[in-house]
Amino acid sequence: MRALVAALVLQVLVLLGLLGYAQYPLWFGNEVVLRTVPVDPRDLLRGNYARLRYDISEAPMPEVGVPRVGREVYVQLRRQGRVWKAVETRYSPPPGDFIRGHIRAVRVGSVTVEYGIEAYFAPKEKALELERRLRQGGLARVRIAADGRAALVSVEDTGEGTGEGAGEQP
């Protein structure tokens, strides 16, 4: 009986640990605002979502080492007005504010980086409306943990070029 209880407690602790790991950036992370560019509003297998891309998705080429697709990188961020911009890309955490991601493509002078915050899931109508409103650009509120892991908090349109400024906050 003790072994059964111990196994049950262990399973609950593992599940709580996984939940805590996933929620850590939302609970303790610093909030940054990133400029977004939508890509695609839905996926037949995963449901409806607004696919997001960020200004920081195109990051500077790392100065040291050979960039490889799939390699983990840390992109140093600097605030410029309301939004944060990519300043430098490294293979180890830089001083100051940074976000962790993985190289998805290598280009001349830059790398394309994914951070795990590229999809915002929503009901079909809301995803389509958000995608339509974000065509002129938008902003994403993201929380970044001390280790660079990021979590998407909300997405809003900037209202630029539409005469609106609705500020969608899903």
N, C-alpha and C. Protein backbone atom coordinates (compact mmCIF):
# COMPACT_ATOMS: atom_id res chain seq x y z
N MET A 1 0.82 -1.19 0.00
CA MET A 1 0.00 0.00 0.00
C MET A 1 0.87 1.26 0.00
N ARG A 2 1.98 1.24 0.77
CA ARG A 2 2.87 2.40 0.82
C ARG A 2 3.48 2.67 -0.55
N ALA A 3 3.82 1.61 -1.25
CA ALA A 3 4.41 1.77 -2.58
C ALA A 3 3.42 2.43 -3.54
N LEU A 4 2.16 2.08 -3.43
CA LEU A 4 1.13 2.67 -4.27
C LEU A 4 0.97 4.16 -3.96
N VAL A 5 0.93 4.50 -2.69
CA VAL A 5 0.82 5.91 -2.28
C VAL A 5 2.05 6.69 -2.73
N ALA A 6 3.23 6.10 -2.55
CA ALA A 6 4.47 6.77 -2.97
C ALA A 6 4.48 7.00 -4.48
N ALA A 7 4.03 6.02 -5.25
CA ALA A 7 3.98 6.17 -6.71
C ALA A 7 2.99 7.26 -7.11
N LEU A 8 1.85 7.31 -6.43
CA LEU A 8 0.85 8.34 -6.71
C LEU A 8 1.38 9.73 -6.36
N VAL A 9 2.01 9.87 -5.22
CA VAL A 9 2.59 11.15 -4.81
C VAL A 9 3.67 11.58 -5.79
N LEU A 10 4.50 10.65 -6.23
CA LEU A 10 5.56 10.97 -7.19
C LEU A 10 4.96 11.48 -8.50
N GLN A 11 3.91 10.83 -8.98
CA GLN A 11 3.26 11.27 -10.22
C GLN A 11 2.68 12.68 -10.09
N VAL A 12 2.05 12.95 -8.97
CA VAL A 12 1.48 14.29 -8.73
C VAL A 12 2.60 15.33 -8.68
N LEU A 13 3.71 15.01 -8.01
CA LEU A 13 4.83 15.95 -7.93
C LEU A 13 5.44 16.21 -9.31
N VAL A 14 5.56 15.18 -10.13
CA VAL A 14 6.09 15.36 -11.48
C VAL A 14 5.17 16.27 -12.29
N LEU A 15 3.87 16.04 -12.21
CA LEU A 15 2.91 16.89 -12.94
C LEU A 15 2.97 18.34 -12.45
N LEU A 16 3.06 18.54 -11.14
CA LEU A 16 3.18 19.89 -10.60
C LEU A 16 4.49 20.54 -11.03
N GLY A 17 5.55 19.76 -11.09
CA GLY A 17 6.84 20.28 -11.56
C GLY A 17 6.78 20.73 -13.01
N LEU A 18 6.13 19.94 -13.86
CA LEU A 18 5.98 20.31 -15.27
C LEU A 18 5.14 21.57 -15.41
N LEU A 19 4.07 21.67 -14.63
CA LEU A 19 3.23 22.87 -14.66
C LEU A 19 4.03 24.09 -14.20
N GLY A 20 4.77 23.94 -13.12
CA GLY A 20 5.59 25.04 -12.62
C GLY A 20 6.65 25.47 -13.61
N TYR A 21 7.27 24.51 -14.29
CA TYR A 21 8.29 24.83 -15.30
C TYR A 21 7.69 25.64 -16.44
N ALA A 22 6.50 25.24 -16.89
CA ALA A 22 5.84 25.94 -18.00
C ALA A 22 5.34 27.32 -17.59
N GLN A 23 4.90 27.47 -16.35
CA GLN A 23 4.32 28.74 -15.90
C GLN A 23 5.35 29.70 -15.31
N TYR A 24 6.55 29.24 -15.05
CA TYR A 24 7.58 30.06 -14.41
C TYR A 24 7.77 31.42 -15.07
N PRO A 25 7.91 31.50 -16.41
CA PRO A 25 8.09 32.83 -17.02
C PRO A 25 6.90 33.75 -16.77
N LEU A 26 5.68 33.21 -16.73
CA LEU A 26 4.51 34.05 -16.48
C LEU A 26 4.48 34.55 -15.04
N TRP A 27 4.92 33.74 -14.11
CA TRP A 27 4.88 34.12 -12.70
C TRP A 27 6.02 35.06 -12.31
N PHE A 28 7.21 34.82 -12.82
CA PHE A 28 8.38 35.55 -12.34
C PHE A 28 9.15 36.31 -13.41
N GLY A 29 8.74 36.22 -14.67
CA GLY A 29 9.48 36.84 -15.76
C GLY A 29 9.29 38.34 -15.86
N ASN A 30 10.26 39.01 -16.48
CA ASN A 30 10.16 40.43 -16.78
C ASN A 30 9.34 40.60 -18.04
N GLU A 31 8.46 41.61 -18.07
CA GLU A 31 7.62 41.83 -19.24
C GLU A 31 8.32 42.72 -20.25
N VAL A 32 8.28 42.31 -21.51
CA VAL A 32 8.80 43.10 -22.62
C VAL A 32 7.70 43.19 -23.68
N VAL A 33 7.79 44.20 -24.53
CA VAL A 33 6.84 44.36 -25.64
C VAL A 33 7.63 44.19 -26.93
N LEU A 34 7.15 43.30 -27.81
CA LEU A 34 7.82 43.00 -29.07
C LEU A 34 6.88 43.32 -30.22
N ARG A 35 7.43 43.85 -31.30
CA ARG A 35 6.64 44.13 -32.51
C ARG A 35 6.40 42.82 -33.26
N THR A 36 5.16 42.59 -33.69
CA THR A 36 4.78 41.34 -34.35
C THR A 36 4.45 41.55 -35.82
N VAL A 37 4.53 40.43 -36.55
CA VAL A 37 4.09 40.36 -37.95
C VAL A 37 3.37 39.03 -38.08
N PRO A 38 2.05 39.01 -38.41
CA PRO A 38 1.34 37.73 -38.50
C PRO A 38 1.76 36.94 -39.73
N VAL A 39 1.59 35.62 -39.64
CA VAL A 39 1.97 34.76 -40.75
C VAL A 39 0.77 33.97 -41.27
N ASP A 40 0.06 33.23 -40.40
CA ASP A 40 -1.03 32.36 -40.84
C ASP A 40 -2.01 32.16 -39.69
N PRO A 41 -3.32 32.29 -39.92
CA PRO A 41 -4.27 32.24 -38.81
C PRO A 41 -4.73 30.87 -38.37
N ARG A 42 -4.45 29.79 -39.08
CA ARG A 42 -5.00 28.50 -38.65
C ARG A 42 -4.15 27.32 -39.13
N ASP A 43 -4.36 26.20 -38.47
CA ASP A 43 -3.66 24.96 -38.79
C ASP A 43 -4.70 23.85 -38.69
N LEU A 44 -4.82 23.04 -39.72
CA LEU A 44 -5.85 22.00 -39.73
C LEU A 44 -5.68 20.99 -38.60
N LEU A 45 -4.46 20.73 -38.18
CA LEU A 45 -4.22 19.72 -37.14
C LEU A 45 -4.27 20.29 -35.73
N ARG A 46 -3.83 21.53 -35.54
CA ARG A 46 -3.72 22.08 -34.19
C ARG A 46 -4.84 23.05 -33.85
N GLY A 47 -5.68 23.41 -34.79
CA GLY A 47 -6.77 24.33 -34.50
C GLY A 47 -6.48 25.72 -35.02
N ASN A 48 -7.23 26.67 -34.54
CA ASN A 48 -7.14 28.05 -35.00
C ASN A 48 -6.19 28.84 -34.12
N TYR A 49 -5.35 29.59 -34.77
CA TYR A 49 -4.43 30.44 -34.03
C TYR A 49 -3.91 31.53 -34.95
N ALA A 50 -3.39 32.57 -34.34
CA ALA A 50 -2.69 33.61 -35.09
C ALA A 50 -1.21 33.26 -35.01
N ARG A 51 -0.61 33.01 -36.14
CA ARG A 51 0.83 32.70 -36.19
C ARG A 51 1.57 34.02 -36.17
N LEU A 52 2.48 34.16 -35.24
CA LEU A 52 3.19 35.42 -35.05
C LEU A 52 4.66 35.30 -35.42
N ARG A 53 5.18 36.38 -35.87
CA ARG A 53 6.61 36.52 -36.13
C ARG A 53 6.98 37.86 -35.52
N TYR A 54 8.20 38.00 -35.09
CA TYR A 54 8.63 39.20 -34.38
C TYR A 54 9.77 39.88 -35.10
N ASP A 55 9.94 41.17 -34.83
CA ASP A 55 11.12 41.88 -35.33
C ASP A 55 12.39 41.15 -34.90
N ILE A 56 12.38 40.63 -33.68
CA ILE A 56 13.58 39.97 -33.16
C ILE A 56 13.77 38.56 -33.72
N SER A 57 12.84 38.10 -34.57
CA SER A 57 13.00 36.79 -35.21
C SER A 57 14.20 36.78 -36.15
N GLU A 58 14.52 37.94 -36.71
CA GLU A 58 15.74 38.10 -37.51
C GLU A 58 16.77 38.76 -36.60
N ALA A 59 17.67 37.97 -36.06
CA ALA A 59 18.65 38.45 -35.08
C ALA A 59 20.03 38.56 -35.74
N PRO A 60 20.89 39.39 -35.17
CA PRO A 60 22.24 39.52 -35.72
C PRO A 60 22.99 38.18 -35.69
N MET A 61 23.87 37.98 -36.64
CA MET A 61 24.70 36.77 -36.70
C MET A 61 25.60 36.73 -35.47
N PRO A 62 25.71 35.57 -34.80
CA PRO A 62 26.64 35.47 -33.67
C PRO A 62 28.07 35.75 -34.14
N GLU A 63 28.83 36.49 -33.32
CA GLU A 63 30.19 36.86 -33.69
C GLU A 63 31.17 35.70 -33.55
N VAL A 64 30.86 34.76 -32.66
CA VAL A 64 31.75 33.64 -32.40
C VAL A 64 31.04 32.34 -32.72
N GLY A 65 31.76 31.37 -33.27
CA GLY A 65 31.18 30.06 -33.53
C GLY A 65 30.43 29.99 -34.84
N VAL A 66 30.06 28.77 -35.18
CA VAL A 66 29.35 28.51 -36.43
C VAL A 66 27.86 28.36 -36.13
N PRO A 67 27.01 29.20 -36.71
CA PRO A 67 25.57 29.04 -36.47
C PRO A 67 25.03 27.82 -37.20
N ARG A 68 24.30 26.97 -36.48
CA ARG A 68 23.69 25.78 -37.06
C ARG A 68 22.20 25.79 -36.76
N VAL A 69 21.42 25.30 -37.69
CA VAL A 69 19.99 25.18 -37.47
C VAL A 69 19.75 24.27 -36.27
N GLY A 70 18.89 24.70 -35.37
CA GLY A 70 18.57 23.93 -34.17
C GLY A 70 19.40 24.31 -32.95
N ARG A 71 20.48 25.05 -33.15
CA ARG A 71 21.35 25.41 -32.03
C ARG A 71 20.68 26.45 -31.14
N GLU A 72 20.83 26.26 -29.84
CA GLU A 72 20.26 27.20 -28.88
C GLU A 72 21.08 28.49 -28.87
N VAL A 73 20.38 29.62 -28.86
CA VAL A 73 21.04 30.92 -28.82
C VAL A 73 20.33 31.82 -27.82
N TYR A 74 21.03 32.86 -27.41
CA TYR A 74 20.49 33.87 -26.51
C TYR A 74 20.60 35.21 -27.22
N VAL A 75 19.47 35.87 -27.39
CA VAL A 75 19.43 37.15 -28.09
C VAL A 75 19.29 38.26 -27.05
N GLN A 76 20.31 39.11 -27.00
CA GLN A 76 20.29 40.23 -26.06
C GLN A 76 19.30 41.27 -26.55
N LEU A 77 18.48 41.79 -25.64
CA LEU A 77 17.45 42.76 -25.97
C LEU A 77 17.77 44.12 -25.37
N ARG A 78 17.35 45.16 -26.09
CA ARG A 78 17.49 46.52 -25.57
C ARG A 78 16.19 47.26 -25.88
N ARG A 79 15.71 47.98 -24.89
CA ARG A 79 14.48 48.74 -25.06
C ARG A 79 14.73 49.96 -25.93
N GLN A 80 13.87 50.14 -26.94
CA GLN A 80 13.91 51.34 -27.80
C GLN A 80 12.49 51.88 -27.85
N GLY A 81 12.22 52.88 -27.04
CA GLY A 81 10.86 53.39 -26.93
C GLY A 81 10.00 52.39 -26.20
N ARG A 82 8.87 52.03 -26.81
CA ARG A 82 7.94 51.09 -26.18
C ARG A 82 8.33 49.63 -26.40
N VAL A 83 9.04 49.35 -27.51
CA VAL A 83 9.35 47.96 -27.86
C VAL A 83 10.82 47.63 -27.58
N TRP A 84 11.10 46.33 -27.57
CA TRP A 84 12.45 45.83 -27.34
C TRP A 84 13.00 45.31 -28.66
N LYS A 85 14.27 45.53 -28.89
CA LYS A 85 14.93 45.14 -30.15
C LYS A 85 16.09 44.19 -29.86
N ALA A 86 16.41 43.35 -30.86
CA ALA A 86 17.55 42.44 -30.76
C ALA A 86 18.83 43.24 -30.97
N VAL A 87 19.80 43.05 -30.08
CA VAL A 87 21.06 43.77 -30.15
C VAL A 87 22.20 42.85 -30.56
N GLU A 88 22.24 41.67 -29.96
CA GLU A 88 23.36 40.75 -30.17
C GLU A 88 22.88 39.32 -29.96
N THR A 89 23.50 38.38 -30.65
CA THR A 89 23.17 36.96 -30.51
C THR A 89 24.40 36.23 -29.99
N ARG A 90 24.19 35.40 -28.96
CA ARG A 90 25.29 34.65 -28.35
C ARG A 90 24.87 33.20 -28.13
N TYR A 91 25.87 32.37 -27.83
CA TYR A 91 25.61 30.97 -27.51
C TYR A 91 25.54 30.74 -26.01
N SER A 92 25.81 31.75 -25.22
CA SER A 92 25.67 31.68 -23.77
C SER A 92 24.92 32.92 -23.32
N PRO A 93 24.28 32.88 -22.17
CA PRO A 93 23.49 34.03 -21.72
C PRO A 93 24.34 35.29 -21.59
N PRO A 94 23.91 36.39 -22.23
CA PRO A 94 24.64 37.65 -22.12
C PRO A 94 24.22 38.40 -20.86
N PRO A 95 24.96 39.42 -20.49
CA PRO A 95 24.52 40.24 -19.36
C PRO A 95 23.28 41.04 -19.76
N GLY A 96 22.47 41.40 -18.80
CA GLY A 96 21.30 42.22 -19.09
C GLY A 96 20.11 41.39 -19.54
N ASP A 97 19.23 42.02 -20.29
CA ASP A 97 17.99 41.38 -20.73
C ASP A 97 18.22 40.55 -21.99
N PHE A 98 17.69 39.32 -22.00
CA PHE A 98 17.85 38.44 -23.15
C PHE A 98 16.70 37.46 -23.22
N ILE A 99 16.54 36.85 -24.39
CA ILE A 99 15.53 35.83 -24.63
C ILE A 99 16.22 34.63 -25.28
N ARG A 100 15.79 33.43 -24.90
CA ARG A 100 16.40 32.20 -25.41
C ARG A 100 15.57 31.65 -26.56
N GLY A 101 16.26 31.17 -27.60
CA GLY A 101 15.57 30.58 -28.74
C GLY A 101 16.45 29.59 -29.46
N HIS A 102 15.99 29.13 -30.61
CA HIS A 102 16.74 28.18 -31.43
C HIS A 102 16.81 28.69 -32.86
N ILE A 103 17.97 28.53 -33.46
CA ILE A 103 18.16 28.98 -34.84
C ILE A 103 17.32 28.10 -35.77
N ARG A 104 16.54 28.73 -36.63
CA ARG A 104 15.71 28.02 -37.61
C ARG A 104 16.24 28.18 -39.02
N ALA A 105 17.03 29.24 -39.28
CA ALA A 105 17.62 29.45 -40.60
C ALA A 105 18.83 30.36 -40.44
N VAL A 106 19.81 30.17 -41.31
CA VAL A 106 21.01 31.01 -41.32
C VAL A 106 20.99 31.81 -42.61
N ARG A 107 21.12 33.12 -42.48
CA ARG A 107 21.11 34.01 -43.64
C ARG A 107 22.42 34.79 -43.66
N VAL A 108 22.63 35.57 -44.70
CA VAL A 108 23.83 36.40 -44.77
C VAL A 108 23.70 37.52 -43.75
N GLY A 109 24.53 37.51 -42.73
CA GLY A 109 24.54 38.57 -41.73
C GLY A 109 23.52 38.44 -40.62
N SER A 110 22.64 37.42 -40.68
CA SER A 110 21.65 37.27 -39.62
C SER A 110 21.22 35.81 -39.50
N VAL A 111 20.51 35.52 -38.43
CA VAL A 111 19.93 34.20 -38.22
C VAL A 111 18.44 34.38 -37.91
N THR A 112 17.64 33.42 -38.35
CA THR A 112 16.22 33.42 -38.00
C THR A 112 16.08 32.57 -36.75
N VAL A 113 15.47 33.15 -35.71
CA VAL A 113 15.37 32.49 -34.41
C VAL A 113 13.90 32.31 -34.04
N GLU A 114 13.54 31.15 -33.51
CA GLU A 114 12.21 30.91 -32.95
C GLU A 114 12.35 30.81 -31.44
N TYR A 115 11.37 31.40 -30.74
CA TYR A 115 11.43 31.50 -29.29
C TYR A 115 10.36 30.68 -28.57
N GLY A 116 9.50 29.99 -29.31
CA GLY A 116 8.43 29.22 -28.68
C GLY A 116 7.19 30.04 -28.38
N ILE A 117 7.13 31.26 -28.88
CA ILE A 117 5.99 32.15 -28.64
C ILE A 117 5.40 32.60 -29.98
N GLU A 118 5.50 31.76 -30.98
CA GLU A 118 5.09 32.14 -32.33
C GLU A 118 3.63 31.83 -32.66
N ALA A 119 2.87 31.28 -31.73
CA ALA A 119 1.46 30.97 -32.00
C ALA A 119 0.59 31.44 -30.84
N TYR A 120 -0.51 32.12 -31.20
CA TYR A 120 -1.50 32.52 -30.21
C TYR A 120 -2.80 31.81 -30.56
N PHE A 121 -3.20 30.83 -29.75
CA PHE A 121 -4.38 30.04 -30.02
C PHE A 121 -5.63 30.77 -29.56
N ALA A 122 -6.69 30.67 -30.37
CA ALA A 122 -7.96 31.34 -30.07
C ALA A 122 -9.07 30.63 -30.84
N PRO A 123 -10.33 30.87 -30.45
CA PRO A 123 -11.43 30.34 -31.25
C PRO A 123 -11.34 30.87 -32.68
N LYS A 124 -11.93 30.15 -33.62
CA LYS A 124 -11.79 30.45 -35.05
C LYS A 124 -12.07 31.92 -35.37
N GLU A 125 -13.20 32.44 -34.93
CA GLU A 125 -13.58 33.81 -35.26
C GLU A 125 -12.59 34.81 -34.67
N LYS A 126 -12.18 34.56 -33.44
CA LYS A 126 -11.25 35.48 -32.78
C LYS A 126 -9.87 35.44 -33.45
N ALA A 127 -9.42 34.23 -33.84
CA ALA A 127 -8.12 34.11 -34.52
C ALA A 127 -8.15 34.83 -35.86
N LEU A 128 -9.24 34.66 -36.61
CA LEU A 128 -9.36 35.34 -37.91
C LEU A 128 -9.42 36.85 -37.74
N GLU A 129 -10.18 37.32 -36.76
CA GLU A 129 -10.28 38.76 -36.51
C GLU A 129 -8.93 39.33 -36.07
N LEU A 130 -8.24 38.63 -35.19
CA LEU A 130 -6.93 39.09 -34.74
C LEU A 130 -5.95 39.14 -35.90
N GLU A 131 -5.96 38.11 -36.74
CA GLU A 131 -5.07 38.09 -37.90
C GLU A 131 -5.37 39.27 -38.82
N ARG A 132 -6.66 39.56 -39.05
CA ARG A 132 -7.05 40.69 -39.89
C ARG A 132 -6.57 42.01 -39.29
N ARG A 133 -6.74 42.16 -37.99
CA ARG A 133 -6.36 43.41 -37.33
C ARG A 133 -4.85 43.58 -37.24
N LEU A 134 -4.12 42.48 -37.26
CA LEU A 134 -2.66 42.56 -37.13
C LEU A 134 -1.95 42.74 -38.47
N ARG A 135 -2.68 42.81 -39.56
CA ARG A 135 -2.04 42.95 -40.87
C ARG A 135 -1.16 44.19 -40.96
N GLN A 136 -1.51 45.22 -40.24
CA GLN A 136 -0.72 46.45 -40.24
C GLN A 136 0.38 46.41 -39.17
N GLY A 137 0.48 45.32 -38.45
CA GLY A 137 1.49 45.19 -37.40
C GLY A 137 0.82 45.17 -36.04
N GLY A 138 1.53 44.69 -35.08
CA GLY A 138 0.97 44.61 -33.73
C GLY A 138 2.07 44.54 -32.71
N LEU A 139 1.64 44.40 -31.47
CA LEU A 139 2.57 44.30 -30.36
C LEU A 139 2.20 43.08 -29.52
N ALA A 140 3.20 42.42 -29.00
CA ALA A 140 2.98 41.27 -28.13
C ALA A 140 3.62 41.56 -26.78
N ARG A 141 2.88 41.28 -25.73
CA ARG A 141 3.43 41.36 -24.37
C ARG A 141 3.93 39.96 -24.03
N VAL A 142 5.20 39.90 -23.68
CA VAL A 142 5.87 38.63 -23.42
C VAL A 142 6.57 38.73 -22.08
N ARG A 143 6.50 37.66 -21.30
CA ARG A 143 7.25 37.61 -20.04
C ARG A 143 8.43 36.67 -20.25
N ILE A 144 9.60 37.12 -19.81
CA ILE A 144 10.83 36.36 -20.00
C ILE A 144 11.44 36.05 -18.65
N ALA A 145 11.65 34.76 -18.37
CA ALA A 145 12.24 34.32 -17.11
C ALA A 145 13.73 34.63 -17.10
N ALA A 146 14.34 34.51 -15.95
CA ALA A 146 15.76 34.81 -15.79
C ALA A 146 16.65 33.93 -16.68
N ASP A 147 16.18 32.72 -17.02
CA ASP A 147 16.98 31.83 -17.88
C ASP A 147 16.70 32.06 -19.37
N GLY A 148 15.84 33.03 -19.71
CA GLY A 148 15.56 33.36 -21.10
C GLY A 148 14.32 32.73 -21.69
N ARG A 149 13.67 31.81 -20.95
CA ARG A 149 12.44 31.20 -21.45
C ARG A 149 11.35 32.27 -21.53
N ALA A 150 10.56 32.23 -22.60
CA ALA A 150 9.54 33.25 -22.81
C ALA A 150 8.14 32.64 -22.82
N ALA A 151 7.16 33.45 -22.41
CA ALA A 151 5.75 33.07 -22.45
C ALA A 151 4.95 34.25 -22.98
N LEU A 152 4.09 33.99 -23.94
CA LEU A 152 3.25 35.02 -24.55
C LEU A 152 2.11 35.36 -23.59
N VAL A 153 1.97 36.64 -23.27
CA VAL A 153 0.92 37.10 -22.35
C VAL A 153 -0.29 37.58 -23.13
N SER A 154 -0.08 38.49 -24.09
CA SER A 154 -1.19 39.03 -24.87
C SER A 154 -0.68 39.58 -26.19
N VAL A 155 -1.61 39.81 -27.11
CA VAL A 155 -1.30 40.38 -28.41
C VAL A 155 -2.28 41.52 -28.64
N GLU A 156 -1.80 42.61 -29.22
CA GLU A 156 -2.68 43.73 -29.53
C GLU A 156 -2.28 44.34 -30.86
N ASP A 157 -3.27 44.92 -31.55
CA ASP A 157 -2.94 45.60 -32.79
C ASP A 157 -2.54 47.03 -32.44
N THR A 158 -1.72 47.63 -33.27
CA THR A 158 -1.26 48.99 -33.01
C THR A 158 -2.23 50.03 -33.54
N GLY A 159 -3.13 49.61 -34.43
CA GLY A 159 -4.07 50.55 -35.02
C GLY A 159 -3.45 51.41 -36.10
N GLU A 160 -2.18 51.16 -36.45
CA GLU A 160 -1.51 51.95 -37.47
C GLU A 160 -2.10 51.64 -38.83
N GLY A 161 -2.45 52.66 -39.57
CA GLY A 161 -2.96 52.49 -40.92
C GLY A 161 -4.41 52.08 -40.97
N THR A 162 -5.07 51.88 -39.83
CA THR A 162 -6.47 51.47 -39.85
C THR A 162 -7.38 52.55 -39.30
N GLY A 163 -6.81 53.55 -38.64
CA GLY A 163 -7.63 54.57 -38.02
C GLY A 163 -8.22 54.08 -36.71
N GLU A 164 -7.88 52.84 -36.34
CA GLU A 164 -8.37 52.27 -35.09
C GLU A 164 -7.25 52.29 -34.08
N GLY A 165 -7.45 51.75 -32.98
CA GLY A 165 -6.44 51.58 -31.97
C GLY A 165 -7.03 50.70 -30.91
N ALA A 166 -7.72 49.72 -31.37
CA ALA A 166 -8.55 48.92 -30.50
C ALA A 166 -7.79 48.22 -29.39
N GLY A 167 -6.53 47.89 -29.64
CA GLY A 167 -5.73 47.27 -28.59
C GLY A 167 -6.27 45.93 -28.13
N GLU A 168 -6.39 44.98 -29.01
CA GLU A 168 -6.87 43.64 -28.67
C GLU A 168 -5.98 43.05 -27.59
N GLN A 169 -6.56 42.66 -26.49
CA GLN A 169 -5.81 42.06 -25.39
C GLN A 169 -6.43 40.71 -25.07
N PRO A 170 -6.08 39.69 -25.83
CA PRO A 170 -6.66 38.36 -25.59
C PRO A 170 -6.30 37.83 -24.24
